[in-house]
Protein backbone atom coordinates (compact mmCIF):
# COMPACT_ATOMS: atom_id res chain seq x y z
CA MET A 1 108.00 47.60 110.73
CA SER A 2 108.40 51.11 112.15
CA THR A 3 105.60 53.64 111.79
CA ASN A 4 106.12 57.36 111.28
CA ALA A 5 103.75 58.86 113.86
CA SER A 6 103.85 62.24 112.20
CA ASN A 7 102.21 60.76 109.09
CA ASN A 8 99.25 59.57 111.16
CA SER A 9 98.75 62.69 113.27
CA PRO A 10 95.85 64.93 112.31
CA THR A 11 96.69 68.11 110.43
CA ARG A 12 96.31 71.14 112.65
CA PRO A 13 94.82 74.25 111.12
CA SER A 14 97.19 77.20 110.86
CA PRO A 15 96.52 79.68 113.66
CA ASN A 16 94.64 82.74 112.49
CA PRO A 17 96.43 85.79 113.93
CA PHE A 18 93.29 87.90 113.50
CA GLU A 19 91.43 85.75 116.03
CA ARG A 20 93.45 87.49 118.75
CA GLN A 21 91.82 90.84 118.04
CA ALA A 22 90.24 92.60 121.00
CA PRO A 23 88.49 95.98 120.80
CA ILE A 24 89.94 98.97 122.61
CA PRO A 25 87.50 99.67 125.46
CA GLY A 26 85.31 102.66 124.64
CA VAL A 27 86.58 103.06 121.06
CA LYS A 28 83.97 102.47 118.34
CA HIS A 29 86.13 102.76 115.22
CA VAL A 30 89.84 102.57 114.44
CA LEU A 31 90.77 104.44 111.25
CA LEU A 32 94.26 104.02 109.77
CA VAL A 33 95.90 106.69 107.60
CA GLY A 34 98.78 105.33 105.51
CA SER A 35 100.73 106.09 102.38
CA GLY A 36 103.24 103.38 101.54
CA LYS A 37 106.01 105.99 101.49
CA GLY A 38 107.09 109.14 103.28
CA GLY A 39 106.99 112.71 102.07
CA VAL A 40 103.43 112.76 100.73
CA GLY A 41 101.92 114.67 103.66
CA LYS A 42 100.31 111.71 105.40
CA SER A 43 100.64 113.16 108.91
CA THR A 44 99.23 116.50 107.78
CA ILE A 45 96.23 114.74 106.27
CA ALA A 46 95.76 112.54 109.35
CA ALA A 47 95.91 115.52 111.72
CA ASN A 48 93.46 117.65 109.76
CA LEU A 49 91.05 114.77 109.13
CA ALA A 50 91.01 114.09 112.87
CA VAL A 51 90.20 117.73 113.63
CA ALA A 52 87.59 117.73 110.86
CA LEU A 53 85.90 114.65 112.33
CA LYS A 54 85.88 116.42 115.69
CA SER A 55 84.30 119.52 114.11
CA GLU A 56 81.50 117.28 112.82
CA GLY A 57 80.56 116.37 116.38
CA LEU A 58 82.52 113.14 116.90
CA LYS A 59 84.71 112.25 119.86
CA VAL A 60 88.12 111.69 118.31
CA GLY A 61 91.54 110.43 119.35
CA LEU A 62 94.73 110.64 117.31
CA LEU A 63 97.50 108.08 117.71
CA ASP A 64 100.94 108.79 116.24
CA ALA A 65 102.12 105.27 115.36
CA ASP A 66 105.21 106.52 113.54
CA VAL A 67 107.48 105.55 116.41
CA TYR A 68 110.72 106.35 114.61
CA GLY A 69 109.62 109.70 113.20
CA PRO A 70 106.77 111.20 115.26
CA SER A 71 105.50 114.55 114.01
CA LEU A 72 102.17 115.09 115.73
CA PRO A 73 103.64 116.74 118.87
CA ARG A 74 104.98 119.54 116.68
CA MET A 75 101.83 119.75 114.56
CA PHE A 76 99.71 120.25 117.67
CA GLY A 77 102.03 122.62 119.53
CA ALA A 78 102.80 119.99 122.15
CA LEU A 79 106.59 119.73 122.01
CA ASN A 80 108.32 118.90 125.29
CA GLN A 81 105.02 117.87 126.86
CA ARG A 82 105.03 114.85 129.14
CA LEU A 83 102.24 112.43 129.95
CA ALA A 84 100.44 112.07 133.23
CA ILE A 85 99.74 108.67 134.77
CA SER A 86 96.25 107.74 135.96
CA ASP A 87 95.50 106.22 139.36
CA ALA A 88 95.27 102.87 137.58
CA GLY A 89 98.79 103.27 136.22
CA LYS A 90 97.75 104.05 132.64
CA LEU A 91 98.91 106.88 130.38
CA GLN A 92 96.69 109.93 130.09
CA PRO A 93 96.63 111.29 126.53
CA LEU A 94 97.22 114.97 125.97
CA VAL A 95 94.20 116.97 124.85
CA ARG A 96 94.61 119.59 122.12
CA HIS A 97 91.76 121.25 120.21
CA GLY A 98 89.35 118.68 121.62
CA LEU A 99 91.41 115.67 120.48
CA CYS A 100 93.03 113.01 122.66
CA LEU A 101 96.63 112.73 121.45
CA MET A 102 99.21 110.01 121.98
CA SER A 103 102.73 109.86 120.54
CA ILE A 104 106.14 108.45 121.43
CA GLY A 105 107.17 112.09 121.02
CA PHE A 106 105.62 112.77 124.44
CA VAL A 107 108.03 110.24 125.96
CA VAL A 108 111.26 110.76 123.99
CA ASP A 109 112.89 114.08 123.10
CA GLU A 110 112.34 115.20 119.52
CA ASN A 111 116.06 115.17 118.67
CA LYS A 112 116.70 111.69 120.12
CA ALA A 113 116.69 108.65 117.84
CA LEU A 114 114.91 105.46 118.88
CA VAL A 115 117.19 102.52 118.12
CA TRP A 116 114.74 99.69 118.71
CA ARG A 117 114.35 96.19 117.37
CA GLY A 118 110.97 94.73 116.45
CA PRO A 119 109.92 93.43 119.89
CA MET A 120 110.33 96.90 121.42
CA LEU A 121 108.23 98.38 118.63
CA PHE A 122 105.49 95.79 119.13
CA LYS A 123 105.43 96.47 122.86
CA ALA A 124 105.12 100.23 122.31
CA ILE A 125 102.18 99.79 119.92
CA GLU A 126 100.51 97.41 122.36
CA GLN A 127 100.89 99.98 125.14
CA PHE A 128 99.44 102.72 122.95
CA LEU A 129 96.38 100.55 122.41
CA ARG A 130 95.89 99.02 125.87
CA ASP A 131 97.66 101.22 128.43
CA VAL A 132 96.19 104.59 127.43
CA VAL A 133 93.04 106.06 128.94
CA TRP A 134 91.34 106.79 125.62
CA GLY A 135 87.89 107.13 127.16
CA GLU A 136 84.80 107.05 124.97
CA LEU A 137 85.76 107.73 121.34
CA ASP A 138 83.78 107.52 118.14
CA VAL A 139 86.98 107.29 116.10
CA LEU A 140 90.64 106.68 116.87
CA VAL A 141 92.64 107.97 113.91
CA VAL A 142 96.05 106.26 113.59
CA ASP A 143 98.83 108.03 111.70
CA LEU A 144 100.90 105.13 110.36
CA PRO A 145 104.62 105.15 109.61
CA PRO A 146 105.73 105.00 105.96
CA GLY A 147 105.98 101.62 104.35
CA THR A 148 104.15 98.31 104.65
CA GLY A 149 105.76 96.74 107.67
CA ASP A 150 105.33 95.64 111.24
CA VAL A 151 103.14 98.41 112.67
CA VAL A 152 100.20 97.82 110.34
CA LEU A 153 100.37 94.06 110.82
CA THR A 154 100.49 94.48 114.60
CA LEU A 155 97.50 96.83 114.61
CA ALA A 156 95.46 94.58 112.34
CA GLN A 157 96.16 91.57 114.54
CA LYS A 158 95.53 93.32 117.86
CA VAL A 159 92.35 95.36 117.25
CA PRO A 160 89.41 95.38 114.84
CA VAL A 161 90.10 98.12 112.27
CA SER A 162 87.13 99.78 110.60
CA GLY A 163 89.02 101.06 107.59
CA ALA A 164 91.97 102.89 106.11
CA VAL A 165 92.66 106.05 104.14
CA VAL A 166 95.56 106.06 101.66
CA VAL A 167 97.38 109.32 100.93
CA CYS A 168 99.13 109.81 97.59
CA THR A 169 100.58 112.64 95.51
CA PRO A 170 99.75 112.86 91.79
CA GLN A 171 102.84 111.34 90.16
CA ASN A 172 103.28 107.67 89.32
CA ILE A 173 106.41 107.35 91.45
CA ALA A 174 104.17 107.96 94.48
CA LEU A 175 101.33 105.86 93.07
CA VAL A 176 103.56 102.76 93.00
CA ASP A 177 103.95 102.96 96.78
CA ALA A 178 100.29 103.82 97.34
CA MET A 179 99.38 100.68 95.40
CA LYS A 180 101.55 98.68 97.77
CA ALA A 181 99.73 100.27 100.71
CA VAL A 182 96.37 99.27 99.25
CA ASP A 183 97.64 95.72 98.69
CA MET A 184 98.93 95.63 102.27
CA PHE A 185 95.54 96.65 103.64
CA ASP A 186 93.89 93.99 101.46
CA GLN A 187 96.21 91.34 102.85
CA VAL A 188 95.49 92.24 106.48
CA LYS A 189 91.76 92.47 105.77
CA VAL A 190 91.40 96.21 106.37
CA PRO A 191 88.96 97.89 103.96
CA VAL A 192 90.29 100.95 102.14
CA LEU A 193 87.62 103.62 102.57
CA GLY A 194 89.19 106.05 100.16
CA VAL A 195 92.21 107.84 98.73
CA VAL A 196 93.27 111.44 99.33
CA GLU A 197 95.30 113.10 96.58
CA ASN A 198 97.60 115.51 98.39
CA MET A 199 99.57 118.37 96.81
CA ALA A 200 97.31 117.86 93.80
CA TYR A 201 97.94 121.32 92.34
CA LEU A 202 99.06 124.85 93.17
CA GLU A 203 96.37 127.44 92.66
CA GLN A 204 97.68 130.73 91.31
CA PRO A 205 95.57 133.65 92.58
CA SER A 206 93.33 135.36 90.06
CA VAL A 207 94.53 138.59 88.53
CA GLY A 208 92.20 141.27 87.21
CA GLY A 209 89.08 139.22 87.76
CA ALA A 210 90.33 136.19 85.80
CA ASP A 211 89.68 132.69 87.07
CA PRO A 212 92.41 131.17 89.26
CA VAL A 213 94.91 129.01 87.40
CA ARG A 214 95.79 125.54 88.70
CA ILE A 215 99.45 124.67 88.21
CA GLN A 216 100.39 120.99 88.11
CA LEU A 217 103.52 120.83 90.27
CA PHE A 218 103.97 117.09 89.84
CA PRO A 219 103.50 115.15 86.59
CA LYS A 220 99.96 113.82 86.49
CA GLY A 221 100.10 110.06 86.82
CA ASN A 222 97.51 107.31 86.64
CA LEU A 223 96.09 107.71 90.16
CA ASP A 224 92.53 108.29 88.94
CA GLY A 225 92.69 105.31 86.59
CA TYR A 226 94.01 103.06 89.36
CA ILE A 227 91.30 104.19 91.78
CA GLU A 228 88.62 103.45 89.18
CA THR A 229 90.08 100.03 88.38
CA LYS A 230 90.20 99.09 92.07
CA GLY A 231 86.71 100.43 92.74
CA LEU A 232 88.03 102.80 95.41
CA SER A 233 86.58 106.14 96.43
CA LYS A 234 88.52 109.37 95.98
CA LEU A 235 87.76 111.23 99.18
CA GLY A 236 89.16 114.48 97.86
CA GLN A 237 92.06 116.55 96.61
CA VAL A 238 94.21 118.81 98.74
CA ALA A 239 96.05 121.64 97.04
CA PHE A 240 99.72 122.43 97.51
CA GLU A 241 98.95 125.30 99.88
CA PRO A 242 101.80 126.93 101.84
CA ARG A 243 99.39 128.04 104.56
CA ILE A 244 98.62 124.41 105.44
CA GLY A 245 102.32 123.72 105.97
CA LEU A 246 102.95 126.96 107.86
CA SER A 247 99.97 126.27 110.10
CA SER A 248 101.27 122.78 110.91
CA GLU A 249 104.73 124.18 111.70
CA ALA A 250 103.08 126.62 114.11
CA GLY A 251 101.31 123.79 115.92
CA LEU A 252 97.85 124.63 114.60
CA PRO A 253 96.06 122.43 112.05
CA ILE A 254 94.47 124.54 109.32
CA LEU A 255 91.00 123.78 110.68
CA VAL A 256 92.04 125.53 113.88
CA SER A 257 94.00 128.45 112.42
CA GLU A 258 91.59 129.15 109.53
CA PRO A 259 88.32 127.33 110.30
CA GLU A 260 86.30 129.31 107.76
CA SER A 261 88.74 128.88 104.88
CA PRO A 262 88.04 126.76 101.77
CA MET A 263 90.95 124.55 102.87
CA ALA A 264 89.22 123.76 106.17
CA GLU A 265 85.90 123.14 104.43
CA ASN A 266 87.62 120.70 102.07
CA PHE A 267 88.74 118.59 105.02
CA ARG A 268 85.28 118.76 106.57
CA GLN A 269 83.76 117.45 103.34
CA MET A 270 86.16 114.51 103.40
CA ALA A 271 85.30 113.90 107.06
CA ARG A 272 81.58 113.78 106.22
CA LYS A 273 82.25 111.11 103.59
CA LEU A 274 84.21 109.07 106.13
CA ILE A 275 81.45 109.36 108.72
CA LEU A 276 78.98 107.83 106.26
CA LEU A 277 81.41 105.02 105.41
CA LEU A 278 82.11 104.23 109.07
CA LYS A 279 78.44 103.81 110.01
C-alpha cells in the first residue's frame, strides 16, 4: 500500500515577513506619514512636521518614498540637485534647513516619468534605507505615496517602524480612504500615533474688530466620530491657508518662511505631541 509522504511531513510554520526587520544604523525612530489617497496635502504635512521636529531640537531626516510622484525636492528648493557619493559608495543625503533629505527626485528629472515594475520599486526603497548615509537621527520621517500598496508593506517588513501619522481632509469621501490607511497600518503592525485634519477650514480675516470667521470649504464628515471610535489621537487641524501652499511652491516650508506665525506654532504643537508618543 502506497503512503503519501506529504501527509506525514510536519507542518511548517508560515514565515513571518516581519522577522526580517533590521534597524537603520543610527536611526532611533521611523515615522510614516500616509493618507490613503492623494490630494489631501500629505507631503506638505510631512515636510512641515519634519521641520517642526527639528525646531524642537531633534535630529531629523526626511525620506520621499513617493517614487512615482516625488514633491519634496520642490518643497525644499532643491530641484535639479544631484547626490554625492561617500567614500564607502553610499548616497549622501542633501541637507536643507537642518534636515537630511532623500528623494528619487534627486536622481531623476522632475518631468521624467518612472515606468517601473514592483521589483525596481522594492530595490529603490531598500537603497533609500540601507545605502544612504543617514548618520545619527532621532527621527526619520517618511512621506509615503498615496494608497495602501507595496511601499508601506516593504517598509514595515524591512525596518522597525515606531508609528504613523494619517492625513485627512474633513469630508467623508476623504475619510473613506483614511480609514483604509489606518486599516493598512493595523495589518502591518504599525501603530497610528494620530490623525491630522488638513484644510480643515478657511479663516476669514476679522473686519472692524469682529472675531475671525471660519468657513467650512469641504462638507464636514464623520472624521471626529471615527477617530473617537478607533481610540485615535487627533494631533491637530491645519487651516486652508494660501501662504502654506505659496511657501511650499517657493521651496520654503512655512516654519522656515514664517517661523513666528500661528501656522508654524501649530505644527510645533503637533511635533511636541509626537515627541511624547515616540518616547
